[in-house]
Amino acid sequence: MSAAAEPATSKRSLIALAVALAVCFAASLIGSAVTQPNLDWYATLTKPGFAPPNGAFPVVWTALFVMMAIAAWLVWRAPGDDGIRKVALVWFGIQLAINAFWSVAFFGMRDPMLAFGVIMALIVAIVITIVYFDRLSRTASLLLLPYLLWVGFATGLNFTIWVLNSGYDFSQHQ
C-alpha cells in the first residue's frame, strides 16, 4: 500500500476485502470446530442467569467477524504510514489467533480457568489493535468496539462459569 487510499471498488481492494472476510471466518470456523463437539459438556456446566441462550452466540459472532473483517480492510486501504499499518494488521492477526485459542482452551480442553487467562490476553490484544487501527482509520477502530464490548461480557461469563464450576463451596465462607 502507498500513502494514498486504495479505491474501495478497485479489483485489488475487493480482493483484499474477500481475503479479510476469509481470514476472519477461518478463525470463526476453528472456534466452531472445537465448540460444536463440546456443547453437551457446556450444557452440564452451572451458568449464571445472565448467560445468553446458545443460539445467540453464532448470530453475534457472525456480525462481529464481519465488522472485524471490514475494519481490517479499512486499515489496509487507508492512507497513512505503512509501518503503522503493518503493526496494526499484525496485532489484528494476534488477536484473531488468541480468539481462536480461547475456544480451544474453554471447549477443547474444557478448562474455564485457562480460558479466562486467554480471554484476558484477548482483551489486551483487542485494545492494542483498536489503538493502532485508530491511527489509520477512526471508522475501523469504532467497528471493533462492539467486539471489545462482547468479549468484555464474555470475560464476565467465562469468569462466573469458572467460579460456579470450580467445586469450591462458597456458602461455607463469609
N, C-alpha and C. Protein backbone atom coordinates (compact mmCIF):
# COMPACT_ATOMS: atom_id res chain seq x y z
N MET A 1 0.84 -1.19 0.00
CA MET A 1 0.00 0.00 0.00
C MET A 1 0.87 1.24 0.00
N SER A 2 0.44 2.21 -0.75
CA SER A 2 1.13 3.51 -0.73
C SER A 2 0.42 4.41 0.27
N ALA A 3 0.89 5.64 0.35
CA ALA A 3 0.29 6.60 1.27
C ALA A 3 -1.09 7.04 0.80
N ALA A 4 -1.44 6.80 -0.46
CA ALA A 4 -2.78 7.16 -0.97
C ALA A 4 -3.75 6.02 -0.70
N ALA A 5 -5.00 6.38 -0.47
CA ALA A 5 -6.02 5.37 -0.19
C ALA A 5 -6.29 4.53 -1.43
N GLU A 6 -6.43 3.24 -1.23
CA GLU A 6 -6.82 2.32 -2.30
C GLU A 6 -8.31 2.56 -2.55
N PRO A 7 -8.73 2.79 -3.81
CA PRO A 7 -10.16 2.99 -4.08
C PRO A 7 -10.96 1.76 -3.64
N ALA A 8 -12.08 2.00 -2.98
CA ALA A 8 -12.87 0.92 -2.39
C ALA A 8 -13.37 -0.08 -3.43
N THR A 9 -13.63 0.38 -4.63
CA THR A 9 -14.20 -0.52 -5.64
C THR A 9 -13.18 -1.08 -6.61
N SER A 10 -11.90 -0.83 -6.38
CA SER A 10 -10.90 -1.41 -7.27
C SER A 10 -10.87 -2.92 -7.09
N LYS A 11 -10.44 -3.62 -8.11
CA LYS A 11 -10.37 -5.08 -8.04
C LYS A 11 -9.47 -5.51 -6.88
N ARG A 12 -8.35 -4.85 -6.73
CA ARG A 12 -7.40 -5.16 -5.65
C ARG A 12 -8.06 -4.97 -4.28
N SER A 13 -8.82 -3.90 -4.14
CA SER A 13 -9.48 -3.61 -2.87
C SER A 13 -10.56 -4.65 -2.55
N LEU A 14 -11.32 -5.03 -3.56
CA LEU A 14 -12.37 -6.03 -3.33
C LEU A 14 -11.77 -7.39 -3.00
N ILE A 15 -10.65 -7.72 -3.62
CA ILE A 15 -9.95 -8.97 -3.28
C ILE A 15 -9.46 -8.91 -1.83
N ALA A 16 -8.94 -7.75 -1.43
CA ALA A 16 -8.47 -7.58 -0.05
C ALA A 16 -9.62 -7.75 0.94
N LEU A 17 -10.80 -7.22 0.59
CA LEU A 17 -11.97 -7.41 1.46
C LEU A 17 -12.33 -8.89 1.55
N ALA A 18 -12.32 -9.58 0.44
CA ALA A 18 -12.62 -11.02 0.43
C ALA A 18 -11.61 -11.79 1.29
N VAL A 19 -10.33 -11.41 1.19
CA VAL A 19 -9.29 -12.07 2.00
C VAL A 19 -9.54 -11.79 3.48
N ALA A 20 -9.87 -10.54 3.83
CA ALA A 20 -10.13 -10.20 5.24
C ALA A 20 -11.32 -11.01 5.77
N LEU A 21 -12.36 -11.13 4.96
CA LEU A 21 -13.51 -11.94 5.38
C LEU A 21 -13.12 -13.40 5.54
N ALA A 22 -12.34 -13.92 4.60
CA ALA A 22 -11.91 -15.33 4.66
C ALA A 22 -11.06 -15.60 5.90
N VAL A 23 -10.15 -14.69 6.20
CA VAL A 23 -9.28 -14.86 7.38
C VAL A 23 -10.11 -14.84 8.66
N CYS A 24 -11.03 -13.88 8.75
CA CYS A 24 -11.86 -13.80 9.97
C CYS A 24 -12.74 -15.03 10.12
N PHE A 25 -13.33 -15.47 9.02
CA PHE A 25 -14.20 -16.64 9.13
C PHE A 25 -13.42 -17.94 9.28
N ALA A 26 -12.16 -17.96 8.90
CA ALA A 26 -11.31 -19.12 9.20
C ALA A 26 -11.13 -19.24 10.71
N ALA A 27 -10.89 -18.10 11.37
CA ALA A 27 -10.79 -18.11 12.84
C ALA A 27 -12.11 -18.56 13.44
N SER A 28 -13.20 -18.10 12.88
CA SER A 28 -14.53 -18.49 13.36
C SER A 28 -14.75 -20.00 13.20
N LEU A 29 -14.33 -20.54 12.06
CA LEU A 29 -14.50 -21.98 11.82
C LEU A 29 -13.67 -22.82 12.77
N ILE A 30 -12.47 -22.36 13.09
CA ILE A 30 -11.63 -23.07 14.07
C ILE A 30 -12.36 -23.11 15.42
N GLY A 31 -12.85 -21.96 15.84
CA GLY A 31 -13.59 -21.91 17.11
C GLY A 31 -14.81 -22.79 17.09
N SER A 32 -15.56 -22.75 16.01
CA SER A 32 -16.76 -23.56 15.90
C SER A 32 -16.45 -25.05 15.87
N ALA A 33 -15.37 -25.43 15.19
CA ALA A 33 -14.99 -26.85 15.10
C ALA A 33 -14.65 -27.42 16.47
N VAL A 34 -14.12 -26.58 17.35
CA VAL A 34 -13.78 -27.03 18.70
C VAL A 34 -15.01 -26.95 19.62
N THR A 35 -15.85 -25.97 19.39
CA THR A 35 -17.01 -25.74 20.25
C THR A 35 -18.10 -26.78 20.03
N GLN A 36 -18.49 -26.99 18.79
CA GLN A 36 -19.64 -27.84 18.48
C GLN A 36 -19.59 -29.22 19.14
N PRO A 37 -18.47 -29.95 19.08
CA PRO A 37 -18.45 -31.28 19.69
C PRO A 37 -18.52 -31.26 21.22
N ASN A 38 -18.39 -30.09 21.81
CA ASN A 38 -18.35 -29.99 23.26
C ASN A 38 -19.55 -29.27 23.86
N LEU A 39 -20.59 -29.07 23.06
CA LEU A 39 -21.78 -28.39 23.58
C LEU A 39 -22.50 -29.22 24.64
N ASP A 40 -22.41 -30.55 24.55
CA ASP A 40 -23.01 -31.39 25.60
C ASP A 40 -22.31 -31.15 26.94
N TRP A 41 -20.99 -31.03 26.92
CA TRP A 41 -20.25 -30.70 28.14
C TRP A 41 -20.68 -29.33 28.67
N TYR A 42 -20.76 -28.35 27.77
CA TYR A 42 -21.16 -26.99 28.16
C TYR A 42 -22.54 -26.99 28.82
N ALA A 43 -23.44 -27.84 28.33
CA ALA A 43 -24.80 -27.92 28.89
C ALA A 43 -24.78 -28.41 30.34
N THR A 44 -23.75 -29.15 30.72
CA THR A 44 -23.69 -29.67 32.09
C THR A 44 -23.15 -28.64 33.09
N LEU A 45 -22.56 -27.56 32.59
CA LEU A 45 -21.97 -26.56 33.48
C LEU A 45 -23.05 -25.71 34.14
N THR A 46 -22.77 -25.29 35.36
CA THR A 46 -23.62 -24.31 36.03
C THR A 46 -23.28 -22.96 35.43
N LYS A 47 -24.32 -22.25 34.97
CA LYS A 47 -24.10 -20.96 34.32
C LYS A 47 -24.90 -19.89 35.07
N PRO A 48 -24.44 -18.65 35.00
CA PRO A 48 -25.16 -17.56 35.68
C PRO A 48 -26.45 -17.22 34.92
N GLY A 49 -27.32 -16.51 35.59
CA GLY A 49 -28.59 -16.11 34.98
C GLY A 49 -28.42 -15.22 33.77
N PHE A 50 -27.28 -14.54 33.65
CA PHE A 50 -27.06 -13.64 32.52
C PHE A 50 -26.47 -14.33 31.30
N ALA A 51 -26.31 -15.66 31.36
CA ALA A 51 -25.77 -16.39 30.21
C ALA A 51 -26.79 -16.37 29.07
N PRO A 52 -26.37 -15.95 27.89
CA PRO A 52 -27.30 -15.94 26.75
C PRO A 52 -27.63 -17.36 26.30
N PRO A 53 -28.74 -17.52 25.59
CA PRO A 53 -29.03 -18.85 25.04
C PRO A 53 -27.98 -19.21 23.99
N ASN A 54 -27.74 -20.51 23.81
CA ASN A 54 -26.71 -20.96 22.87
C ASN A 54 -26.92 -20.39 21.46
N GLY A 55 -28.15 -20.21 21.06
CA GLY A 55 -28.45 -19.71 19.72
C GLY A 55 -27.99 -18.29 19.48
N ALA A 56 -27.75 -17.53 20.54
CA ALA A 56 -27.31 -16.13 20.38
C ALA A 56 -25.86 -16.04 19.93
N PHE A 57 -25.04 -16.99 20.34
CA PHE A 57 -23.61 -16.92 20.06
C PHE A 57 -23.27 -16.88 18.56
N PRO A 58 -23.81 -17.80 17.74
CA PRO A 58 -23.43 -17.73 16.32
C PRO A 58 -23.92 -16.46 15.63
N VAL A 59 -25.05 -15.95 16.04
CA VAL A 59 -25.58 -14.71 15.44
C VAL A 59 -24.66 -13.53 15.77
N VAL A 60 -24.32 -13.41 17.05
CA VAL A 60 -23.46 -12.30 17.47
C VAL A 60 -22.08 -12.43 16.84
N TRP A 61 -21.49 -13.62 16.88
CA TRP A 61 -20.14 -13.80 16.35
C TRP A 61 -20.08 -13.56 14.85
N THR A 62 -21.12 -13.95 14.12
CA THR A 62 -21.13 -13.69 12.67
C THR A 62 -21.06 -12.19 12.41
N ALA A 63 -21.90 -11.43 13.10
CA ALA A 63 -21.89 -9.97 12.92
C ALA A 63 -20.53 -9.39 13.31
N LEU A 64 -19.97 -9.86 14.41
CA LEU A 64 -18.68 -9.34 14.87
C LEU A 64 -17.56 -9.67 13.89
N PHE A 65 -17.53 -10.88 13.36
CA PHE A 65 -16.48 -11.25 12.41
C PHE A 65 -16.59 -10.44 11.12
N VAL A 66 -17.80 -10.14 10.68
CA VAL A 66 -17.97 -9.28 9.50
C VAL A 66 -17.42 -7.88 9.80
N MET A 67 -17.76 -7.32 10.96
CA MET A 67 -17.27 -5.99 11.32
C MET A 67 -15.74 -5.99 11.46
N MET A 68 -15.20 -7.06 12.03
CA MET A 68 -13.75 -7.16 12.17
C MET A 68 -13.07 -7.18 10.81
N ALA A 69 -13.62 -7.94 9.87
CA ALA A 69 -13.05 -8.01 8.52
C ALA A 69 -13.10 -6.66 7.83
N ILE A 70 -14.22 -5.99 7.94
CA ILE A 70 -14.35 -4.67 7.32
C ILE A 70 -13.35 -3.70 7.95
N ALA A 71 -13.18 -3.78 9.26
CA ALA A 71 -12.22 -2.91 9.94
C ALA A 71 -10.80 -3.16 9.42
N ALA A 72 -10.40 -4.42 9.30
CA ALA A 72 -9.07 -4.74 8.79
C ALA A 72 -8.91 -4.24 7.35
N TRP A 73 -9.94 -4.40 6.56
CA TRP A 73 -9.91 -3.93 5.17
C TRP A 73 -9.76 -2.41 5.11
N LEU A 74 -10.49 -1.70 5.97
CA LEU A 74 -10.38 -0.24 6.01
C LEU A 74 -8.95 0.20 6.36
N VAL A 75 -8.34 -0.51 7.29
CA VAL A 75 -6.96 -0.19 7.67
C VAL A 75 -6.02 -0.50 6.51
N TRP A 76 -6.23 -1.61 5.84
CA TRP A 76 -5.39 -1.99 4.70
C TRP A 76 -5.42 -0.91 3.62
N ARG A 77 -6.61 -0.36 3.36
CA ARG A 77 -6.75 0.59 2.25
C ARG A 77 -6.60 2.05 2.66
N ALA A 78 -6.49 2.33 3.94
CA ALA A 78 -6.40 3.73 4.41
C ALA A 78 -5.05 4.34 4.05
N PRO A 79 -5.05 5.66 3.79
CA PRO A 79 -3.76 6.33 3.61
C PRO A 79 -3.05 6.41 4.94
N GLY A 80 -1.75 6.52 4.89
CA GLY A 80 -1.00 6.65 6.14
C GLY A 80 0.29 5.87 6.13
N ASP A 81 0.90 5.83 7.27
CA ASP A 81 2.21 5.22 7.47
C ASP A 81 2.13 3.70 7.31
N ASP A 82 2.91 3.16 6.38
CA ASP A 82 2.91 1.72 6.14
C ASP A 82 3.43 0.93 7.34
N GLY A 83 4.35 1.52 8.10
CA GLY A 83 4.85 0.86 9.30
C GLY A 83 3.75 0.67 10.34
N ILE A 84 2.95 1.70 10.55
CA ILE A 84 1.83 1.60 11.49
C ILE A 84 0.81 0.59 10.97
N ARG A 85 0.55 0.62 9.66
CA ARG A 85 -0.40 -0.33 9.06
C ARG A 85 0.04 -1.77 9.32
N LYS A 86 1.35 -2.03 9.11
CA LYS A 86 1.87 -3.38 9.32
C LYS A 86 1.69 -3.80 10.78
N VAL A 87 2.05 -2.92 11.71
CA VAL A 87 1.89 -3.24 13.14
C VAL A 87 0.42 -3.46 13.47
N ALA A 88 -0.45 -2.61 12.93
CA ALA A 88 -1.89 -2.74 13.19
C ALA A 88 -2.42 -4.08 12.70
N LEU A 89 -2.03 -4.47 11.51
CA LEU A 89 -2.53 -5.73 10.96
C LEU A 89 -1.89 -6.95 11.62
N VAL A 90 -0.66 -6.81 12.10
CA VAL A 90 -0.05 -7.90 12.88
C VAL A 90 -0.83 -8.09 14.18
N TRP A 91 -1.15 -6.99 14.86
CA TRP A 91 -1.94 -7.10 16.09
C TRP A 91 -3.33 -7.66 15.80
N PHE A 92 -3.89 -7.30 14.67
CA PHE A 92 -5.19 -7.87 14.28
C PHE A 92 -5.06 -9.39 14.18
N GLY A 93 -3.99 -9.87 13.54
CA GLY A 93 -3.76 -11.31 13.43
C GLY A 93 -3.53 -11.96 14.79
N ILE A 94 -2.81 -11.28 15.65
CA ILE A 94 -2.56 -11.82 17.00
C ILE A 94 -3.87 -11.99 17.76
N GLN A 95 -4.72 -10.96 17.72
CA GLN A 95 -5.98 -11.07 18.47
C GLN A 95 -6.88 -12.14 17.85
N LEU A 96 -6.83 -12.32 16.53
CA LEU A 96 -7.62 -13.39 15.91
C LEU A 96 -7.15 -14.76 16.38
N ALA A 97 -5.83 -14.94 16.46
CA ALA A 97 -5.27 -16.22 16.92
C ALA A 97 -5.65 -16.47 18.38
N ILE A 98 -5.58 -15.45 19.20
CA ILE A 98 -5.97 -15.60 20.61
C ILE A 98 -7.46 -15.93 20.70
N ASN A 99 -8.25 -15.26 19.87
CA ASN A 99 -9.69 -15.53 19.84
C ASN A 99 -9.94 -17.02 19.56
N ALA A 100 -9.30 -17.55 18.54
CA ALA A 100 -9.48 -18.97 18.21
C ALA A 100 -8.98 -19.87 19.33
N PHE A 101 -7.87 -19.49 19.96
CA PHE A 101 -7.33 -20.31 21.04
C PHE A 101 -8.25 -20.33 22.25
N TRP A 102 -9.04 -19.28 22.46
CA TRP A 102 -9.98 -19.30 23.58
C TRP A 102 -10.92 -20.49 23.47
N SER A 103 -11.44 -20.75 22.27
CA SER A 103 -12.34 -21.90 22.08
C SER A 103 -11.63 -23.21 22.37
N VAL A 104 -10.36 -23.29 21.99
CA VAL A 104 -9.57 -24.49 22.28
C VAL A 104 -9.45 -24.67 23.80
N ALA A 105 -9.12 -23.58 24.50
CA ALA A 105 -8.93 -23.66 25.95
C ALA A 105 -10.25 -23.98 26.66
N PHE A 106 -11.31 -23.25 26.33
CA PHE A 106 -12.57 -23.41 27.05
C PHE A 106 -13.28 -24.71 26.67
N PHE A 107 -13.50 -24.92 25.38
CA PHE A 107 -14.27 -26.08 24.94
C PHE A 107 -13.39 -27.30 24.68
N GLY A 108 -12.32 -27.12 23.93
CA GLY A 108 -11.47 -28.27 23.57
C GLY A 108 -10.78 -28.88 24.77
N MET A 109 -10.21 -28.03 25.63
CA MET A 109 -9.52 -28.51 26.82
C MET A 109 -10.44 -28.57 28.04
N ARG A 110 -11.64 -28.00 27.87
CA ARG A 110 -12.64 -27.96 28.96
C ARG A 110 -12.04 -27.35 30.23
N ASP A 111 -11.36 -26.22 30.03
CA ASP A 111 -10.64 -25.58 31.12
C ASP A 111 -11.02 -24.10 31.23
N PRO A 112 -12.13 -23.80 31.92
CA PRO A 112 -12.54 -22.40 32.06
C PRO A 112 -11.50 -21.50 32.72
N MET A 113 -10.66 -22.05 33.60
CA MET A 113 -9.64 -21.24 34.24
C MET A 113 -8.60 -20.80 33.21
N LEU A 114 -8.09 -21.73 32.41
CA LEU A 114 -7.14 -21.39 31.35
C LEU A 114 -7.80 -20.43 30.36
N ALA A 115 -9.04 -20.71 30.01
CA ALA A 115 -9.76 -19.86 29.06
C ALA A 115 -9.89 -18.43 29.60
N PHE A 116 -10.05 -18.29 30.91
CA PHE A 116 -10.13 -16.95 31.50
C PHE A 116 -8.81 -16.20 31.27
N GLY A 117 -7.70 -16.86 31.47
CA GLY A 117 -6.41 -16.23 31.20
C GLY A 117 -6.27 -15.85 29.73
N VAL A 118 -6.74 -16.72 28.84
CA VAL A 118 -6.67 -16.45 27.40
C VAL A 118 -7.54 -15.24 27.05
N ILE A 119 -8.75 -15.19 27.60
CA ILE A 119 -9.65 -14.09 27.25
C ILE A 119 -9.15 -12.75 27.80
N MET A 120 -8.43 -12.79 28.93
CA MET A 120 -7.83 -11.55 29.44
C MET A 120 -6.75 -11.06 28.46
N ALA A 121 -5.95 -12.00 27.93
CA ALA A 121 -4.96 -11.63 26.92
C ALA A 121 -5.64 -11.12 25.65
N LEU A 122 -6.79 -11.71 25.32
CA LEU A 122 -7.54 -11.27 24.15
C LEU A 122 -7.99 -9.82 24.29
N ILE A 123 -8.48 -9.45 25.46
CA ILE A 123 -8.90 -8.07 25.68
C ILE A 123 -7.73 -7.11 25.46
N VAL A 124 -6.58 -7.45 25.99
CA VAL A 124 -5.40 -6.59 25.80
C VAL A 124 -5.07 -6.48 24.32
N ALA A 125 -5.09 -7.59 23.61
CA ALA A 125 -4.76 -7.58 22.17
C ALA A 125 -5.79 -6.78 21.37
N ILE A 126 -7.05 -6.87 21.74
CA ILE A 126 -8.08 -6.09 21.04
C ILE A 126 -7.87 -4.60 21.27
N VAL A 127 -7.59 -4.22 22.51
CA VAL A 127 -7.36 -2.80 22.81
C VAL A 127 -6.15 -2.27 22.03
N ILE A 128 -5.07 -3.04 21.98
CA ILE A 128 -3.89 -2.62 21.22
C ILE A 128 -4.26 -2.48 19.74
N THR A 129 -5.02 -3.44 19.22
CA THR A 129 -5.45 -3.38 17.83
C THR A 129 -6.28 -2.13 17.56
N ILE A 130 -7.20 -1.83 18.45
CA ILE A 130 -8.04 -0.63 18.29
C ILE A 130 -7.18 0.63 18.28
N VAL A 131 -6.21 0.70 19.16
CA VAL A 131 -5.33 1.88 19.22
C VAL A 131 -4.59 2.05 17.89
N TYR A 132 -4.03 0.97 17.37
CA TYR A 132 -3.30 1.07 16.10
C TYR A 132 -4.25 1.34 14.92
N PHE A 133 -5.42 0.69 14.92
CA PHE A 133 -6.38 0.94 13.85
C PHE A 133 -6.80 2.40 13.83
N ASP A 134 -6.96 2.99 15.01
CA ASP A 134 -7.41 4.37 15.10
C ASP A 134 -6.41 5.34 14.49
N ARG A 135 -5.15 4.98 14.46
CA ARG A 135 -4.12 5.84 13.86
C ARG A 135 -4.29 5.94 12.35
N LEU A 136 -4.99 4.97 11.77
CA LEU A 136 -5.17 4.96 10.31
C LEU A 136 -6.62 5.18 9.89
N SER A 137 -7.57 4.72 10.72
CA SER A 137 -8.99 4.83 10.36
C SER A 137 -9.84 4.83 11.62
N ARG A 138 -10.44 5.96 11.90
CA ARG A 138 -11.35 6.04 13.06
C ARG A 138 -12.51 5.07 12.89
N THR A 139 -13.03 4.96 11.67
CA THR A 139 -14.15 4.04 11.42
C THR A 139 -13.75 2.61 11.74
N ALA A 140 -12.55 2.22 11.33
CA ALA A 140 -12.08 0.85 11.62
C ALA A 140 -12.00 0.61 13.11
N SER A 141 -11.48 1.57 13.84
CA SER A 141 -11.38 1.38 15.30
C SER A 141 -12.77 1.30 15.93
N LEU A 142 -13.69 2.10 15.45
CA LEU A 142 -15.06 2.07 16.01
C LEU A 142 -15.77 0.75 15.68
N LEU A 143 -15.46 0.18 14.54
CA LEU A 143 -16.05 -1.11 14.18
C LEU A 143 -15.62 -2.23 15.12
N LEU A 144 -14.50 -2.04 15.82
CA LEU A 144 -14.03 -3.07 16.76
C LEU A 144 -14.61 -2.89 18.17
N LEU A 145 -15.25 -1.76 18.44
CA LEU A 145 -15.79 -1.54 19.78
C LEU A 145 -16.87 -2.54 20.18
N PRO A 146 -17.83 -2.90 19.31
CA PRO A 146 -18.79 -3.94 19.70
C PRO A 146 -18.11 -5.27 20.04
N TYR A 147 -17.06 -5.59 19.31
CA TYR A 147 -16.27 -6.80 19.58
C TYR A 147 -15.65 -6.72 20.98
N LEU A 148 -15.05 -5.59 21.30
CA LEU A 148 -14.46 -5.41 22.63
C LEU A 148 -15.52 -5.53 23.72
N LEU A 149 -16.67 -4.92 23.50
CA LEU A 149 -17.75 -5.00 24.49
C LEU A 149 -18.25 -6.43 24.66
N TRP A 150 -18.41 -7.16 23.55
CA TRP A 150 -18.87 -8.55 23.63
C TRP A 150 -17.84 -9.41 24.35
N VAL A 151 -16.57 -9.22 24.04
CA VAL A 151 -15.53 -10.00 24.70
C VAL A 151 -15.46 -9.63 26.19
N GLY A 152 -15.71 -8.37 26.51
CA GLY A 152 -15.81 -7.99 27.93
C GLY A 152 -16.93 -8.73 28.63
N PHE A 153 -18.08 -8.79 27.98
CA PHE A 153 -19.21 -9.56 28.53
C PHE A 153 -18.83 -11.04 28.64
N ALA A 154 -18.21 -11.58 27.59
CA ALA A 154 -17.80 -12.99 27.60
C ALA A 154 -16.78 -13.27 28.70
N THR A 155 -15.96 -12.28 29.02
CA THR A 155 -14.99 -12.43 30.10
C THR A 155 -15.71 -12.62 31.44
N GLY A 156 -16.72 -11.81 31.67
CA GLY A 156 -17.52 -11.96 32.89
C GLY A 156 -18.22 -13.31 32.93
N LEU A 157 -18.74 -13.73 31.80
CA LEU A 157 -19.40 -15.04 31.72
C LEU A 157 -18.39 -16.16 31.96
N ASN A 158 -17.23 -16.08 31.32
CA ASN A 158 -16.19 -17.09 31.50
C ASN A 158 -15.77 -17.17 32.97
N PHE A 159 -15.53 -16.02 33.58
CA PHE A 159 -15.11 -16.00 34.99
C PHE A 159 -16.18 -16.62 35.89
N THR A 160 -17.42 -16.25 35.67
CA THR A 160 -18.51 -16.76 36.50
C THR A 160 -18.68 -18.27 36.33
N ILE A 161 -18.58 -18.75 35.10
CA ILE A 161 -18.67 -20.19 34.87
C ILE A 161 -17.51 -20.91 35.56
N TRP A 162 -16.33 -20.34 35.49
CA TRP A 162 -15.17 -20.94 36.17
C TRP A 162 -15.44 -21.04 37.66
N VAL A 163 -15.90 -19.94 38.26
CA VAL A 163 -16.14 -19.92 39.71
C VAL A 163 -17.27 -20.88 40.08
N LEU A 164 -18.37 -20.83 39.35
CA LEU A 164 -19.52 -21.67 39.69
C LEU A 164 -19.24 -23.16 39.54
N ASN A 165 -18.28 -23.51 38.72
CA ASN A 165 -17.98 -24.92 38.46
C ASN A 165 -16.64 -25.35 39.04
N SER A 166 -16.09 -24.53 39.92
CA SER A 166 -14.77 -24.82 40.49
C SER A 166 -14.79 -25.89 41.57
N GLY A 167 -15.96 -26.16 42.10
CA GLY A 167 -16.05 -27.13 43.19
C GLY A 167 -15.86 -26.50 44.55
N TYR A 168 -15.54 -25.23 44.59
CA TYR A 168 -15.35 -24.53 45.86
C TYR A 168 -16.71 -24.22 46.46
N ASP A 169 -16.87 -24.50 47.74
CA ASP A 169 -18.14 -24.25 48.44
C ASP A 169 -18.11 -22.84 49.04
N PHE A 170 -18.67 -21.89 48.30
CA PHE A 170 -18.67 -20.50 48.75
C PHE A 170 -19.62 -20.26 49.91
N SER A 171 -20.58 -21.16 50.12
CA SER A 171 -21.55 -20.95 51.20
C SER A 171 -20.93 -21.15 52.57
N GLN A 172 -19.79 -21.80 52.65
CA GLN A 172 -19.14 -22.08 53.93
C GLN A 172 -18.16 -20.99 54.36
N HIS A 173 -17.99 -19.97 53.52
CA HIS A 173 -17.03 -18.91 53.82
C HIS A 173 -17.70 -17.56 53.71
N GLN A 174 -17.40 -16.72 54.70
CA GLN A 174 -18.04 -15.40 54.69
C GLN A 174 -17.03 -14.32 54.64
